[in-house]
Amino acid sequence: MLQGGYALDWSTQSWPLFAARAVVDWTLQGPDTLLTGVAVVTPWSVAGTDILGRAGPGLIALVPGAVFKNCTSRAVVDVQELSWRSSAVAAAGVVSFDAGTCEDFLGRTSSLPAMTLDLSTKGADALAELRDRDGRLAQVTIAGDRRVILRIEPEGATLVPGMPTGGPMVVEYPF
């Protein structure tokens, strides 16, 4: 059992020991959320597949130090793949968010537009592009060479109170 009435349940599928692979069916459910998926773990990779369902705003409260709280937006999740291997990362799918509001850490309320997070793969990199009806708000690249590159467009920066909006902001760091 997690905070806020959420529960993460899982069951392992049978597998031969010599295969060095675990396959787990999982479900995350709570008052406003029902997500299901499959996790596959080997000594060389970690993957999530067939991640489907709805995610409610209460999940944000589970994130320690989250910038936003008391959000009203909900998400519909349809992710076919998220995977990480020794030198390659992959993603495929979409997460759709409906319009809503959130409070920032100072208690100010911000409006959020309906948005779509498109997940894709380019070479050895996984891309996540956040868009609203007018265009791209932000893009995250998880590079196969173990770097995270975050690009926030001016239009996306307006959604975070206090963030500069004069031009695109790019943050890159290794992990």
N, C-alpha and C. Protein backbone atom coordinates (compact mmCIF):
# COMPACT_ATOMS: atom_id res chain seq x y z
N MET A 1 0.84 -1.17 0.00
CA MET A 1 0.00 0.00 0.00
C MET A 1 0.90 1.24 0.00
N LEU A 2 0.54 2.19 -0.83
CA LEU A 2 1.26 3.46 -0.92
C LEU A 2 0.41 4.54 -0.27
N GLN A 3 0.95 5.76 -0.15
CA GLN A 3 0.20 6.87 0.41
C GLN A 3 -1.05 7.16 -0.42
N GLY A 4 -2.03 7.77 0.19
CA GLY A 4 -3.19 8.26 -0.52
C GLY A 4 -4.13 7.19 -1.03
N GLY A 5 -4.03 5.97 -0.51
CA GLY A 5 -4.91 4.90 -0.95
C GLY A 5 -4.50 4.23 -2.24
N TYR A 6 -3.28 4.41 -2.69
CA TYR A 6 -2.78 3.75 -3.90
C TYR A 6 -2.14 2.42 -3.53
N ALA A 7 -2.23 1.48 -4.44
CA ALA A 7 -1.63 0.17 -4.22
C ALA A 7 -0.95 -0.28 -5.50
N LEU A 8 0.22 -0.86 -5.35
CA LEU A 8 0.95 -1.46 -6.47
C LEU A 8 0.95 -2.96 -6.26
N ASP A 9 0.29 -3.67 -7.15
CA ASP A 9 0.20 -5.12 -7.09
C ASP A 9 0.94 -5.71 -8.27
N TRP A 10 1.54 -6.87 -8.08
CA TRP A 10 2.23 -7.53 -9.18
C TRP A 10 2.20 -9.04 -9.01
N SER A 11 2.40 -9.71 -10.12
CA SER A 11 2.54 -11.16 -10.11
C SER A 11 3.59 -11.53 -11.15
N THR A 12 4.42 -12.47 -10.80
CA THR A 12 5.47 -12.89 -11.73
C THR A 12 4.95 -14.00 -12.61
N GLN A 13 5.34 -13.93 -13.86
CA GLN A 13 5.04 -15.02 -14.78
C GLN A 13 6.13 -16.07 -14.59
N SER A 14 5.82 -17.31 -14.84
CA SER A 14 6.84 -18.35 -14.68
C SER A 14 7.88 -18.22 -15.79
N TRP A 15 9.12 -18.54 -15.46
CA TRP A 15 10.20 -18.49 -16.43
C TRP A 15 11.27 -19.48 -15.99
N PRO A 16 11.98 -20.03 -16.95
CA PRO A 16 13.05 -20.96 -16.59
C PRO A 16 14.21 -20.20 -15.95
N LEU A 17 14.81 -20.76 -14.92
CA LEU A 17 15.90 -20.09 -14.21
C LEU A 17 17.09 -19.79 -15.11
N PHE A 18 17.36 -20.64 -16.06
CA PHE A 18 18.52 -20.43 -16.94
C PHE A 18 18.28 -19.28 -17.92
N ALA A 19 17.07 -18.77 -18.01
CA ALA A 19 16.78 -17.67 -18.93
C ALA A 19 17.26 -16.32 -18.38
N ALA A 20 17.54 -16.22 -17.09
CA ALA A 20 18.01 -14.98 -16.46
C ALA A 20 17.11 -13.80 -16.82
N ARG A 21 15.81 -14.03 -16.69
CA ARG A 21 14.84 -13.01 -17.07
C ARG A 21 13.62 -13.13 -16.17
N ALA A 22 13.15 -11.99 -15.67
CA ALA A 22 11.93 -11.96 -14.87
C ALA A 22 10.87 -11.14 -15.62
N VAL A 23 9.66 -11.66 -15.65
CA VAL A 23 8.54 -10.97 -16.28
C VAL A 23 7.46 -10.78 -15.22
N VAL A 24 7.04 -9.53 -15.04
CA VAL A 24 6.09 -9.19 -13.98
C VAL A 24 4.91 -8.44 -14.58
N ASP A 25 3.70 -8.91 -14.32
CA ASP A 25 2.49 -8.17 -14.63
C ASP A 25 2.20 -7.29 -13.41
N TRP A 26 1.94 -5.99 -13.62
CA TRP A 26 1.72 -5.10 -12.49
C TRP A 26 0.47 -4.24 -12.71
N THR A 27 -0.07 -3.78 -11.59
CA THR A 27 -1.23 -2.88 -11.58
C THR A 27 -1.01 -1.82 -10.50
N LEU A 28 -1.17 -0.56 -10.88
CA LEU A 28 -1.15 0.55 -9.92
C LEU A 28 -2.56 1.11 -9.90
N GLN A 29 -3.18 1.05 -8.73
CA GLN A 29 -4.55 1.55 -8.65
C GLN A 29 -4.74 2.38 -7.39
N GLY A 30 -5.68 3.29 -7.50
CA GLY A 30 -6.00 4.17 -6.39
C GLY A 30 -7.31 4.85 -6.67
N PRO A 31 -7.64 5.86 -5.87
CA PRO A 31 -8.94 6.52 -5.99
C PRO A 31 -9.21 7.11 -7.38
N ASP A 32 -8.15 7.54 -8.09
CA ASP A 32 -8.34 8.19 -9.39
C ASP A 32 -7.47 7.57 -10.48
N THR A 33 -6.91 6.40 -10.23
CA THR A 33 -5.92 5.82 -11.12
C THR A 33 -6.12 4.33 -11.30
N LEU A 34 -5.91 3.86 -12.52
CA LEU A 34 -5.82 2.43 -12.80
C LEU A 34 -4.87 2.27 -13.98
N LEU A 35 -3.66 1.83 -13.69
CA LEU A 35 -2.65 1.58 -14.72
C LEU A 35 -2.21 0.13 -14.64
N THR A 36 -2.01 -0.49 -15.79
CA THR A 36 -1.50 -1.85 -15.84
C THR A 36 -0.34 -1.90 -16.83
N GLY A 37 0.49 -2.91 -16.68
CA GLY A 37 1.60 -3.07 -17.60
C GLY A 37 2.38 -4.33 -17.31
N VAL A 38 3.44 -4.51 -18.07
CA VAL A 38 4.33 -5.65 -17.94
C VAL A 38 5.75 -5.11 -17.78
N ALA A 39 6.48 -5.62 -16.81
CA ALA A 39 7.89 -5.26 -16.63
C ALA A 39 8.74 -6.49 -16.93
N VAL A 40 9.81 -6.28 -17.66
CA VAL A 40 10.75 -7.35 -18.00
C VAL A 40 12.14 -6.90 -17.56
N VAL A 41 12.79 -7.73 -16.74
CA VAL A 41 14.10 -7.40 -16.21
C VAL A 41 15.06 -8.53 -16.53
N THR A 42 16.21 -8.17 -17.09
CA THR A 42 17.30 -9.12 -17.32
C THR A 42 18.57 -8.50 -16.73
N PRO A 43 19.64 -9.23 -16.67
CA PRO A 43 20.89 -8.61 -16.21
C PRO A 43 21.37 -7.48 -17.13
N TRP A 44 20.84 -7.40 -18.35
CA TRP A 44 21.31 -6.44 -19.34
C TRP A 44 20.30 -5.36 -19.69
N SER A 45 19.07 -5.49 -19.22
CA SER A 45 18.06 -4.52 -19.63
C SER A 45 16.89 -4.47 -18.64
N VAL A 46 16.15 -3.37 -18.74
CA VAL A 46 14.90 -3.19 -18.01
C VAL A 46 13.90 -2.64 -19.01
N ALA A 47 12.69 -3.19 -19.02
CA ALA A 47 11.68 -2.71 -19.97
C ALA A 47 10.30 -2.73 -19.34
N GLY A 48 9.49 -1.78 -19.77
CA GLY A 48 8.08 -1.76 -19.44
C GLY A 48 7.31 -1.79 -20.75
N THR A 49 6.31 -2.65 -20.85
CA THR A 49 5.52 -2.74 -22.07
C THR A 49 4.04 -2.74 -21.73
N ASP A 50 3.24 -2.42 -22.74
CA ASP A 50 1.78 -2.48 -22.62
C ASP A 50 1.27 -1.74 -21.38
N ILE A 51 1.77 -0.52 -21.18
CA ILE A 51 1.36 0.30 -20.04
C ILE A 51 0.12 1.08 -20.47
N LEU A 52 -1.01 0.72 -19.86
CA LEU A 52 -2.30 1.25 -20.29
C LEU A 52 -3.13 1.69 -19.09
N GLY A 53 -4.00 2.67 -19.33
CA GLY A 53 -4.97 3.04 -18.30
C GLY A 53 -5.08 4.54 -18.13
N ARG A 54 -5.54 4.91 -16.94
CA ARG A 54 -5.73 6.31 -16.62
C ARG A 54 -4.95 6.63 -15.35
N ALA A 55 -4.42 7.85 -15.31
CA ALA A 55 -3.67 8.31 -14.14
C ALA A 55 -4.32 9.58 -13.64
N GLY A 56 -4.64 9.61 -12.37
CA GLY A 56 -5.30 10.76 -11.80
C GLY A 56 -4.32 11.72 -11.14
N PRO A 57 -4.81 12.89 -10.77
CA PRO A 57 -3.95 13.92 -10.21
C PRO A 57 -3.37 13.56 -8.84
N GLY A 58 -3.96 12.63 -8.14
CA GLY A 58 -3.44 12.25 -6.83
C GLY A 58 -2.07 11.62 -6.88
N LEU A 59 -1.66 11.11 -8.03
CA LEU A 59 -0.33 10.50 -8.14
C LEU A 59 0.79 11.51 -7.89
N ILE A 60 0.56 12.78 -8.20
CA ILE A 60 1.59 13.79 -8.00
C ILE A 60 1.97 13.89 -6.52
N ALA A 61 1.03 13.65 -5.63
CA ALA A 61 1.32 13.72 -4.20
C ALA A 61 2.31 12.63 -3.77
N LEU A 62 2.48 11.59 -4.58
CA LEU A 62 3.43 10.53 -4.25
C LEU A 62 4.87 10.92 -4.58
N VAL A 63 5.06 12.02 -5.31
CA VAL A 63 6.39 12.45 -5.72
C VAL A 63 6.94 13.43 -4.68
N PRO A 64 7.99 13.02 -3.94
CA PRO A 64 8.54 13.94 -2.93
C PRO A 64 9.09 15.21 -3.59
N GLY A 65 8.77 16.35 -3.01
CA GLY A 65 9.29 17.62 -3.51
C GLY A 65 8.71 18.06 -4.84
N ALA A 66 7.57 17.53 -5.24
CA ALA A 66 6.96 17.92 -6.52
C ALA A 66 6.69 19.42 -6.54
N VAL A 67 6.95 20.04 -7.69
CA VAL A 67 6.76 21.48 -7.85
C VAL A 67 5.27 21.82 -7.79
N PHE A 68 4.43 20.94 -8.32
CA PHE A 68 3.00 21.19 -8.36
C PHE A 68 2.25 20.29 -7.39
N LYS A 69 1.09 20.77 -6.94
CA LYS A 69 0.22 19.97 -6.07
C LYS A 69 -1.23 20.36 -6.34
N ASN A 70 -2.15 19.59 -5.82
CA ASN A 70 -3.58 19.84 -5.96
C ASN A 70 -3.97 20.05 -7.42
N CYS A 71 -3.48 19.20 -8.29
CA CYS A 71 -3.79 19.31 -9.72
C CYS A 71 -5.14 18.67 -10.02
N THR A 72 -5.75 19.11 -11.10
CA THR A 72 -7.04 18.55 -11.50
C THR A 72 -6.97 17.78 -12.81
N SER A 73 -5.87 17.87 -13.54
CA SER A 73 -5.74 17.17 -14.83
C SER A 73 -5.65 15.67 -14.63
N ARG A 74 -6.19 14.96 -15.59
CA ARG A 74 -6.08 13.50 -15.62
C ARG A 74 -5.38 13.11 -16.91
N ALA A 75 -4.82 11.91 -16.92
CA ALA A 75 -4.08 11.44 -18.10
C ALA A 75 -4.60 10.09 -18.54
N VAL A 76 -4.58 9.89 -19.84
CA VAL A 76 -4.85 8.58 -20.43
C VAL A 76 -3.52 8.08 -20.99
N VAL A 77 -3.11 6.89 -20.56
CA VAL A 77 -1.80 6.36 -20.87
C VAL A 77 -1.94 5.19 -21.85
N ASP A 78 -1.16 5.25 -22.94
CA ASP A 78 -1.09 4.17 -23.92
C ASP A 78 0.36 4.07 -24.38
N VAL A 79 1.17 3.41 -23.58
CA VAL A 79 2.60 3.29 -23.85
C VAL A 79 2.92 1.84 -24.21
N GLN A 80 3.43 1.66 -25.41
CA GLN A 80 3.78 0.32 -25.86
C GLN A 80 5.11 -0.15 -25.30
N GLU A 81 6.08 0.79 -25.14
CA GLU A 81 7.40 0.38 -24.69
C GLU A 81 8.16 1.53 -24.03
N LEU A 82 8.85 1.18 -22.95
CA LEU A 82 9.89 2.00 -22.34
C LEU A 82 11.00 1.01 -22.00
N SER A 83 12.21 1.19 -22.55
CA SER A 83 13.26 0.22 -22.27
C SER A 83 14.62 0.88 -22.20
N TRP A 84 15.48 0.24 -21.43
CA TRP A 84 16.85 0.71 -21.27
C TRP A 84 17.77 -0.49 -21.32
N ARG A 85 18.69 -0.47 -22.28
CA ARG A 85 19.71 -1.49 -22.40
C ARG A 85 21.05 -0.82 -22.18
N SER A 86 22.13 -1.54 -22.22
CA SER A 86 23.43 -0.99 -21.86
C SER A 86 23.78 0.30 -22.59
N SER A 87 23.48 0.41 -23.88
CA SER A 87 23.83 1.64 -24.61
C SER A 87 22.70 2.15 -25.49
N ALA A 88 21.48 1.77 -25.17
CA ALA A 88 20.35 2.23 -25.97
C ALA A 88 19.11 2.36 -25.08
N VAL A 89 18.32 3.37 -25.40
CA VAL A 89 17.06 3.62 -24.70
C VAL A 89 15.97 3.69 -25.76
N ALA A 90 14.79 3.16 -25.45
CA ALA A 90 13.71 3.18 -26.44
C ALA A 90 12.39 3.55 -25.76
N ALA A 91 11.51 4.16 -26.53
CA ALA A 91 10.18 4.52 -26.04
C ALA A 91 9.21 4.55 -27.21
N ALA A 92 7.98 4.18 -26.95
CA ALA A 92 6.92 4.28 -27.96
C ALA A 92 5.59 4.39 -27.23
N GLY A 93 4.79 5.38 -27.64
CA GLY A 93 3.47 5.52 -27.05
C GLY A 93 3.06 6.96 -26.90
N VAL A 94 1.96 7.14 -26.18
CA VAL A 94 1.41 8.48 -26.00
C VAL A 94 0.71 8.56 -24.64
N VAL A 95 0.83 9.73 -24.02
CA VAL A 95 0.09 10.04 -22.80
C VAL A 95 -0.66 11.34 -23.08
N SER A 96 -1.99 11.31 -22.94
CA SER A 96 -2.82 12.49 -23.20
C SER A 96 -3.33 13.06 -21.88
N PHE A 97 -3.12 14.36 -21.68
CA PHE A 97 -3.55 15.05 -20.46
C PHE A 97 -4.71 15.97 -20.80
N ASP A 98 -5.75 15.97 -19.97
CA ASP A 98 -6.81 16.94 -20.19
C ASP A 98 -6.45 18.27 -19.52
N ALA A 99 -7.13 19.32 -19.88
CA ALA A 99 -6.87 20.65 -19.31
C ALA A 99 -7.24 20.63 -17.83
N GLY A 100 -6.58 21.49 -17.07
CA GLY A 100 -6.88 21.56 -15.65
C GLY A 100 -6.09 22.67 -14.98
N THR A 101 -5.94 22.55 -13.67
CA THR A 101 -5.17 23.53 -12.90
C THR A 101 -4.26 22.79 -11.93
N CYS A 102 -3.21 23.50 -11.48
CA CYS A 102 -2.30 23.01 -10.44
C CYS A 102 -1.90 24.19 -9.57
N GLU A 103 -1.55 23.90 -8.32
CA GLU A 103 -0.96 24.91 -7.45
C GLU A 103 0.54 24.71 -7.43
N ASP A 104 1.29 25.83 -7.47
CA ASP A 104 2.74 25.71 -7.36
C ASP A 104 3.12 25.69 -5.88
N PHE A 105 4.41 25.63 -5.59
CA PHE A 105 4.87 25.50 -4.21
C PHE A 105 4.58 26.74 -3.37
N LEU A 106 4.20 27.87 -4.01
CA LEU A 106 3.82 29.08 -3.27
C LEU A 106 2.30 29.20 -3.11
N GLY A 107 1.56 28.21 -3.62
CA GLY A 107 0.11 28.22 -3.49
C GLY A 107 -0.61 28.95 -4.61
N ARG A 108 0.11 29.38 -5.63
CA ARG A 108 -0.52 30.07 -6.76
C ARG A 108 -1.10 29.03 -7.71
N THR A 109 -2.28 29.31 -8.25
CA THR A 109 -2.94 28.39 -9.17
C THR A 109 -2.56 28.73 -10.61
N SER A 110 -2.19 27.71 -11.35
CA SER A 110 -1.84 27.86 -12.77
C SER A 110 -2.77 27.01 -13.60
N SER A 111 -3.19 27.55 -14.74
CA SER A 111 -4.00 26.77 -15.69
C SER A 111 -3.09 25.97 -16.59
N LEU A 112 -3.49 24.75 -16.86
CA LEU A 112 -2.75 23.89 -17.77
C LEU A 112 -3.62 23.56 -18.97
N PRO A 113 -3.08 23.66 -20.18
CA PRO A 113 -3.87 23.30 -21.36
C PRO A 113 -3.93 21.78 -21.53
N ALA A 114 -4.80 21.32 -22.38
CA ALA A 114 -4.76 19.92 -22.77
C ALA A 114 -3.43 19.69 -23.48
N MET A 115 -2.76 18.59 -23.15
CA MET A 115 -1.44 18.32 -23.70
C MET A 115 -1.29 16.86 -24.08
N THR A 116 -0.31 16.59 -24.94
CA THR A 116 0.02 15.23 -25.34
C THR A 116 1.52 15.03 -25.18
N LEU A 117 1.90 13.92 -24.58
CA LEU A 117 3.30 13.52 -24.46
C LEU A 117 3.52 12.37 -25.43
N ASP A 118 4.24 12.65 -26.51
CA ASP A 118 4.51 11.64 -27.53
C ASP A 118 5.87 11.01 -27.25
N LEU A 119 5.91 9.69 -27.14
CA LEU A 119 7.14 8.95 -26.88
C LEU A 119 7.60 8.27 -28.15
N SER A 120 8.89 8.38 -28.45
CA SER A 120 9.41 7.75 -29.66
C SER A 120 10.88 7.41 -29.46
N THR A 121 11.45 6.75 -30.45
CA THR A 121 12.84 6.35 -30.43
C THR A 121 13.52 6.86 -31.68
N LYS A 122 14.73 7.38 -31.52
CA LYS A 122 15.53 7.82 -32.65
C LYS A 122 16.94 7.29 -32.43
N GLY A 123 17.35 6.32 -33.22
CA GLY A 123 18.64 5.70 -33.02
C GLY A 123 18.70 5.01 -31.67
N ALA A 124 19.68 5.38 -30.84
CA ALA A 124 19.85 4.80 -29.51
C ALA A 124 19.21 5.66 -28.43
N ASP A 125 18.41 6.65 -28.82
CA ASP A 125 17.84 7.61 -27.87
C ASP A 125 16.31 7.49 -27.79
N ALA A 126 15.79 7.77 -26.60
CA ALA A 126 14.33 7.85 -26.40
C ALA A 126 13.96 9.33 -26.31
N LEU A 127 12.88 9.69 -26.97
CA LEU A 127 12.40 11.07 -26.99
C LEU A 127 11.01 11.16 -26.39
N ALA A 128 10.79 12.22 -25.63
CA ALA A 128 9.46 12.53 -25.09
C ALA A 128 9.18 13.98 -25.44
N GLU A 129 8.16 14.20 -26.26
CA GLU A 129 7.83 15.55 -26.70
C GLU A 129 6.47 15.94 -26.14
N LEU A 130 6.44 17.02 -25.36
CA LEU A 130 5.20 17.53 -24.77
C LEU A 130 4.66 18.64 -25.67
N ARG A 131 3.41 18.47 -26.12
CA ARG A 131 2.79 19.42 -27.05
C ARG A 131 1.40 19.81 -26.55
N ASP A 132 1.01 21.03 -26.88
CA ASP A 132 -0.39 21.41 -26.74
C ASP A 132 -0.91 21.64 -28.16
N ARG A 133 -2.10 22.19 -28.30
CA ARG A 133 -2.68 22.32 -29.66
C ARG A 133 -1.90 23.30 -30.53
N ASP A 134 -1.11 24.19 -29.91
CA ASP A 134 -0.37 25.18 -30.68
C ASP A 134 1.05 24.77 -31.04
N GLY A 135 1.58 23.73 -30.43
CA GLY A 135 2.94 23.31 -30.77
C GLY A 135 3.69 22.71 -29.61
N ARG A 136 5.00 22.57 -29.80
CA ARG A 136 5.85 21.91 -28.80
C ARG A 136 6.09 22.81 -27.60
N LEU A 137 5.94 22.23 -26.40
CA LEU A 137 6.19 22.92 -25.14
C LEU A 137 7.56 22.55 -24.58
N ALA A 138 7.92 21.27 -24.71
CA ALA A 138 9.19 20.79 -24.16
C ALA A 138 9.55 19.46 -24.81
N GLN A 139 10.82 19.13 -24.74
CA GLN A 139 11.28 17.83 -25.22
C GLN A 139 12.35 17.30 -24.28
N VAL A 140 12.26 16.03 -23.95
CA VAL A 140 13.28 15.36 -23.15
C VAL A 140 13.87 14.25 -24.01
N THR A 141 15.20 14.21 -24.06
CA THR A 141 15.90 13.13 -24.74
C THR A 141 16.69 12.36 -23.69
N ILE A 142 16.46 11.07 -23.62
CA ILE A 142 17.28 10.19 -22.80
C ILE A 142 18.20 9.50 -23.80
N ALA A 143 19.47 9.87 -23.76
CA ALA A 143 20.42 9.40 -24.77
C ALA A 143 21.03 8.07 -24.36
N GLY A 144 21.29 7.24 -25.35
CA GLY A 144 21.91 5.94 -25.11
C GLY A 144 23.29 6.05 -24.49
N ASP A 145 23.94 7.20 -24.67
CA ASP A 145 25.25 7.41 -24.05
C ASP A 145 25.14 8.01 -22.65
N ARG A 146 23.99 7.80 -22.01
CA ARG A 146 23.73 8.15 -20.61
C ARG A 146 23.74 9.65 -20.35
N ARG A 147 22.96 10.37 -21.15
CA ARG A 147 22.74 11.80 -20.94
C ARG A 147 21.25 12.08 -20.98
N VAL A 148 20.84 13.09 -20.23
CA VAL A 148 19.47 13.60 -20.29
C VAL A 148 19.57 15.02 -20.84
N ILE A 149 18.78 15.30 -21.87
CA ILE A 149 18.75 16.62 -22.48
C ILE A 149 17.31 17.12 -22.41
N LEU A 150 17.11 18.21 -21.70
CA LEU A 150 15.78 18.81 -21.54
C LEU A 150 15.78 20.14 -22.27
N ARG A 151 14.82 20.31 -23.17
CA ARG A 151 14.65 21.58 -23.88
C ARG A 151 13.24 22.09 -23.58
N ILE A 152 13.16 23.26 -22.96
CA ILE A 152 11.88 23.87 -22.64
C ILE A 152 11.70 25.09 -23.54
N GLU A 153 10.64 25.06 -24.32
CA GLU A 153 10.32 26.17 -25.22
C GLU A 153 9.70 27.31 -24.41
N PRO A 154 9.75 28.54 -24.91
CA PRO A 154 9.14 29.67 -24.19
C PRO A 154 7.67 29.41 -23.85
N GLU A 155 6.95 28.78 -24.77
CA GLU A 155 5.53 28.49 -24.52
C GLU A 155 5.36 27.51 -23.36
N GLY A 156 6.28 26.58 -23.21
CA GLY A 156 6.24 25.64 -22.09
C GLY A 156 6.65 26.29 -20.79
N ALA A 157 7.60 27.21 -20.85
CA ALA A 157 8.06 27.90 -19.65
C ALA A 157 6.95 28.72 -19.00
N THR A 158 5.99 29.19 -19.80
CA THR A 158 4.89 29.99 -19.23
C THR A 158 4.03 29.16 -18.28
N LEU A 159 4.09 27.84 -18.38
CA LEU A 159 3.29 26.99 -17.51
C LEU A 159 3.88 26.85 -16.11
N VAL A 160 5.14 27.24 -15.95
CA VAL A 160 5.82 27.13 -14.65
C VAL A 160 6.08 28.53 -14.12
N PRO A 161 5.34 28.97 -13.11
CA PRO A 161 5.50 30.33 -12.60
C PRO A 161 6.96 30.61 -12.22
N GLY A 162 7.45 31.75 -12.68
CA GLY A 162 8.80 32.16 -12.35
C GLY A 162 9.87 31.70 -13.31
N MET A 163 9.53 30.83 -14.25
CA MET A 163 10.53 30.35 -15.19
C MET A 163 10.72 31.38 -16.30
N PRO A 164 11.97 31.67 -16.68
CA PRO A 164 12.21 32.64 -17.76
C PRO A 164 11.59 32.17 -19.08
N THR A 165 11.05 33.12 -19.84
CA THR A 165 10.37 32.78 -21.10
C THR A 165 11.00 33.46 -22.31
N GLY A 166 12.21 34.01 -22.16
CA GLY A 166 12.83 34.77 -23.25
C GLY A 166 13.30 33.94 -24.42
N GLY A 167 13.47 32.67 -24.27
CA GLY A 167 13.94 31.82 -25.37
C GLY A 167 13.97 30.38 -24.90
N PRO A 168 14.29 29.47 -25.80
CA PRO A 168 14.36 28.07 -25.36
C PRO A 168 15.45 27.91 -24.30
N MET A 169 15.19 27.03 -23.36
CA MET A 169 16.15 26.72 -22.32
C MET A 169 16.55 25.25 -22.49
N VAL A 170 17.85 24.99 -22.52
CA VAL A 170 18.34 23.63 -22.70
C VAL A 170 19.22 23.27 -21.49
N VAL A 171 18.90 22.15 -20.88
CA VAL A 171 19.68 21.62 -19.75
C VAL A 171 20.11 20.23 -20.14
N GLU A 172 21.41 19.95 -19.98
CA GLU A 172 21.94 18.63 -20.33
C GLU A 172 22.83 18.16 -19.19
N TYR A 173 22.65 16.90 -18.81
CA TYR A 173 23.53 16.36 -17.77
C TYR A 173 23.68 14.86 -17.95
N PRO A 174 24.87 14.35 -17.59
CA PRO A 174 25.12 12.90 -17.67
C PRO A 174 24.54 12.20 -16.46
N PHE A 175 24.32 10.91 -16.61
CA PHE A 175 23.91 10.10 -15.45
C PHE A 175 24.62 8.77 -15.49
